[in-house]
Each structure stands twice: as C-alpha cells, then as structure tokens.
Amino acid sequence: MDEVRLWALIETPGERQPLLTIAEARAVVALLRREGSPVADELAATLARRLPAEE
C-alpha cells in the first residue's frame, strides 16, 4: 500500500470502534515504530497519544 493511500486512511474521519485491547494497541505501536516510514511513525505517535500511561 502506498503512502498516499495510508495517509488517506489515517486522516479519514469516521465513527470510532473499540477494536483492540490496550496490550494489542501497544504491540501495534511498537511494530509501527520498527517499520520506520514517515506514515508508520505518524500513526504510531497518534496511537501512542491515545493510550493510557503504562504502569
């Protein structure tokens, strides 16, 4: 999937649904940070801001 399509998916507003557990979301953030593309970094940062602080 190219970066333009990824940005479109990230920025498209819509109804939010609880799809992941907090642990799964943290795993996704970690995987996105390893991927290293600017789109993955932006999505990881967006998700990380929404997660509760780790205890």
C-alpha atoms as a PDB file:
ATOM      1  CA  MET A   1       0.000   0.000   0.000  1.00  0.00           C
ATOM      2  CA  ASP A   2       1.490   3.341  -0.968  1.00  0.00           C
ATOM      3  CA  GLU A   3       1.937   6.263   1.420  1.00  0.00           C
ATOM      4  CA  VAL A   4      -0.793   8.397  -0.178  1.00  0.00           C
ATOM      5  CA  ARG A   5      -3.373   5.678   0.450  1.00  0.00           C
ATOM      6  CA  LEU A   6      -2.131   5.167   4.017  1.00  0.00           C
ATOM      7  CA  TRP A   7      -2.404   8.899   4.771  1.00  0.00           C
ATOM      8  CA  ALA A   8      -5.935   8.901   3.359  1.00  0.00           C
ATOM      9  CA  LEU A   9      -6.889   6.026   5.669  1.00  0.00           C
ATOM     10  CA  ILE A  10      -5.310   7.694   8.699  1.00  0.00           C
ATOM     11  CA  GLU A  11      -6.916  11.085   8.113  1.00  0.00           C
ATOM     12  CA  THR A  12     -10.402   9.918   7.121  1.00  0.00           C
ATOM     13  CA  PRO A  13     -12.832  10.853   9.893  1.00  0.00           C
ATOM     14  CA  GLY A  14     -15.314   8.276  10.990  1.00  0.00           C
ATOM     15  CA  GLU A  15     -17.004   6.567  13.868  1.00  0.00           C
ATOM     16  CA  ARG A  16     -14.565   5.048  16.353  1.00  0.00           C
ATOM     17  CA  GLN A  17     -14.947   1.448  17.403  1.00  0.00           C
ATOM     18  CA  PRO A  18     -13.035  -0.360  20.165  1.00  0.00           C
ATOM     19  CA  LEU A  19     -11.170  -2.915  18.073  1.00  0.00           C
ATOM     20  CA  LEU A  20      -8.070  -3.663  20.133  1.00  0.00           C
ATOM     21  CA  THR A  21      -7.116  -4.346  23.693  1.00  0.00           C
ATOM     22  CA  ILE A  22      -4.651  -1.897  25.220  1.00  0.00           C
ATOM     23  CA  ALA A  23      -1.927  -4.566  25.030  1.00  0.00           C
ATOM     24  CA  GLU A  24      -2.645  -5.134  21.325  1.00  0.00           C
ATOM     25  CA  ALA A  25      -2.538  -1.390  20.651  1.00  0.00           C
ATOM     26  CA  ARG A  26       0.835  -1.125  22.401  1.00  0.00           C
ATOM     27  CA  ALA A  27       2.132  -4.004  20.267  1.00  0.00           C
ATOM     28  CA  VAL A  28       0.919  -2.249  17.116  1.00  0.00           C
ATOM     29  CA  VAL A  29       2.688   0.956  18.169  1.00  0.00           C
ATOM     30  CA  ALA A  30       5.929  -0.982  18.726  1.00  0.00           C
ATOM     31  CA  LEU A  31       5.670  -2.688  15.335  1.00  0.00           C
ATOM     32  CA  LEU A  32       4.891   0.571  13.542  1.00  0.00           C
ATOM     33  CA  ARG A  33       7.903   2.257  15.137  1.00  0.00           C
ATOM     34  CA  ARG A  34      10.139  -0.542  13.820  1.00  0.00           C
ATOM     35  CA  GLU A  35       8.745  -0.138  10.294  1.00  0.00           C
ATOM     36  CA  GLY A  36      10.372   3.269  10.037  1.00  0.00           C
ATOM     37  CA  SER A  37       8.377   5.015   7.328  1.00  0.00           C
ATOM     38  CA  PRO A  38       7.059   8.534   7.994  1.00  0.00           C
ATOM     39  CA  VAL A  39       3.462   7.290   7.750  1.00  0.00           C
ATOM     40  CA  ALA A  40       4.100   4.479  10.238  1.00  0.00           C
ATOM     41  CA  ASP A  41       5.827   6.912  12.607  1.00  0.00           C
ATOM     42  CA  GLU A  42       2.893   9.328  12.451  1.00  0.00           C
ATOM     43  CA  LEU A  43       0.337   6.584  13.045  1.00  0.00           C
ATOM     44  CA  ALA A  44       2.396   5.171  15.922  1.00  0.00           C
ATOM     45  CA  ALA A  45       2.547   8.619  17.525  1.00  0.00           C
ATOM     46  CA  THR A  46      -1.198   9.125  17.090  1.00  0.00           C
ATOM     47  CA  LEU A  47      -1.982   5.771  18.669  1.00  0.00           C
ATOM     48  CA  ALA A  48       0.539   6.234  21.471  1.00  0.00           C
ATOM     49  CA  ARG A  49      -1.027   9.570  22.467  1.00  0.00           C
ATOM     50  CA  ARG A  50      -4.396   7.838  22.886  1.00  0.00           C
ATOM     51  CA  LEU A  51      -3.067   5.024  25.069  1.00  0.00           C
ATOM     52  CA  PRO A  52      -3.137   5.307  28.859  1.00  0.00           C
ATOM     53  CA  ALA A  53       0.229   5.698  30.567  1.00  0.00           C
ATOM     54  CA  GLU A  54       1.955   2.419  31.322  1.00  0.00           C
ATOM     55  CA  GLU A  55       2.085   1.482  34.968  1.00  0.00           C
END
